[in-house]
């Protein structure tokens, strides 16, 4: 199991607006969005288990002044759901590094 965010990302402080939802093999989260069209924004690091734990990571280079809006972000987690036999997800925090 990966226990940290990808390079250039840090753990996001919260899920912000809404509870996570599963639609098919996608995790949907309503999160901040702004005027940076090439900004990666967020990443999800799934764990193992049922419900499937995940870490929400945010790009450390983002400019919050441009994040005035919100949108629903989609993350492909189908493989992790299948591997864990999970049909639900839960927000998790990785161990301190």
Protein backbone atom coordinates (compact mmCIF):
# COMPACT_ATOMS: atom_id res chain seq x y z
CA UNK A 1 0.00 0.00 0.00
CA UNK A 2 1.28 3.47 -0.87
CA UNK A 3 1.41 5.51 2.33
CA UNK A 4 2.20 8.97 1.03
CA UNK A 5 1.23 11.53 -1.59
CA UNK A 6 2.92 11.68 -4.99
CA UNK A 7 5.96 13.95 -5.43
CA UNK A 8 4.90 17.61 -5.41
CA UNK A 9 1.71 16.96 -3.41
CA UNK A 10 0.81 17.14 0.29
CA UNK A 11 -2.09 15.79 2.32
CA UNK A 12 -5.16 17.98 1.86
CA UNK A 13 -6.54 19.29 5.12
CA UNK A 14 -10.10 18.09 4.54
CA UNK A 15 -12.64 16.96 2.00
CA UNK A 16 -13.91 20.55 1.93
CA UNK A 17 -17.50 20.48 0.68
CA UNK A 18 -19.02 17.04 0.37
CA UNK A 19 -18.79 13.42 1.33
CA UNK A 20 -17.08 11.14 -1.20
CA UNK A 21 -19.32 9.34 -3.68
CA UNK A 22 -18.74 6.27 -5.84
CA UNK A 23 -20.12 6.11 -9.37
CA UNK A 24 -19.02 2.99 -11.21
CA UNK A 25 -15.23 2.86 -10.93
CA UNK A 26 -14.86 6.56 -10.09
CA UNK A 27 -14.55 8.43 -6.81
CA UNK A 28 -16.30 11.80 -6.95
CA UNK A 29 -15.32 14.66 -4.64
CA UNK A 30 -16.56 18.27 -4.69
CA UNK A 31 -13.39 20.32 -4.22
CA UNK A 32 -11.92 23.74 -4.94
CA UNK A 33 -11.32 24.75 -8.54
CA UNK A 34 -9.96 27.88 -10.15
CA UNK A 35 -8.45 29.59 -13.12
CA UNK A 36 -5.40 27.39 -13.73
CA UNK A 37 -6.34 25.16 -16.69
CA UNK A 38 -3.17 23.05 -16.48
CA UNK A 39 -3.22 22.72 -12.68
CA UNK A 40 -3.35 19.07 -11.65
CA UNK A 41 -5.03 20.03 -8.39
CA UNK A 42 -5.66 16.90 -6.43
CA UNK A 43 -4.61 13.26 -6.33
CA UNK A 44 -6.15 10.31 -4.51
CA UNK A 45 -4.03 7.56 -3.00
CA UNK A 46 -6.19 4.50 -2.27
CA UNK A 47 -5.33 2.03 0.47
CA UNK A 48 -6.71 -1.46 1.06
CA UNK A 49 -9.80 -2.66 2.86
CA UNK A 50 -13.54 -2.28 2.82
CA UNK A 51 -14.63 0.44 2.98
CA UNK A 52 -11.66 1.51 0.86
CA UNK A 53 -9.55 4.12 2.69
CA UNK A 54 -8.03 6.91 0.61
CA UNK A 55 -5.78 9.92 1.12
CA UNK A 56 -6.64 13.17 -0.58
CA UNK A 57 -3.50 15.00 -1.73
CA UNK A 58 -3.24 18.55 -3.09
CA UNK A 59 -0.67 20.14 -5.37
CA UNK A 60 1.71 22.22 -3.22
CA UNK A 61 2.19 24.75 -6.04
CA UNK A 62 -1.43 25.85 -6.35
CA UNK A 63 -2.43 29.46 -5.92
CA UNK A 64 -5.43 29.58 -3.58
CA UNK A 65 -6.47 33.06 -4.76
CA UNK A 66 -7.51 31.44 -8.03
CA UNK A 67 -9.53 28.70 -6.32
CA UNK A 68 -12.73 30.68 -5.89
CA UNK A 69 -15.06 28.05 -7.31
CA UNK A 70 -15.82 24.38 -6.81
CA UNK A 71 -16.28 21.45 -9.12
CA UNK A 72 -16.72 17.71 -8.84
CA UNK A 73 -13.37 16.01 -9.41
CA UNK A 74 -13.29 12.41 -10.67
CA UNK A 75 -10.64 9.89 -9.67
CA UNK A 76 -10.35 6.43 -11.25
CA UNK A 77 -10.21 3.94 -8.37
CA UNK A 78 -11.87 0.92 -9.98
CA UNK A 79 -8.80 -1.30 -9.68
CA UNK A 80 -8.42 -0.52 -5.96
CA UNK A 81 -12.14 -1.11 -5.33
CA UNK A 82 -11.99 -4.47 -7.11
CA UNK A 83 -8.78 -5.54 -5.35
CA UNK A 84 -10.27 -4.79 -1.92
CA UNK A 85 -13.77 -6.01 -2.73
CA UNK A 86 -15.03 -2.61 -1.56
CA UNK A 87 -18.22 -0.82 -2.53
CA UNK A 88 -17.66 2.24 -0.33
CA UNK A 89 -14.79 4.57 0.55
CA UNK A 90 -13.62 6.38 3.65
CA UNK A 91 -11.28 9.35 4.08
CA UNK A 92 -7.98 8.42 5.78
CA UNK A 93 -4.84 10.19 6.96
CA UNK A 94 -1.46 8.56 6.36
CA UNK A 95 0.98 8.00 9.20
CA UNK A 96 3.29 10.91 9.99
CA UNK A 97 6.39 10.91 7.81
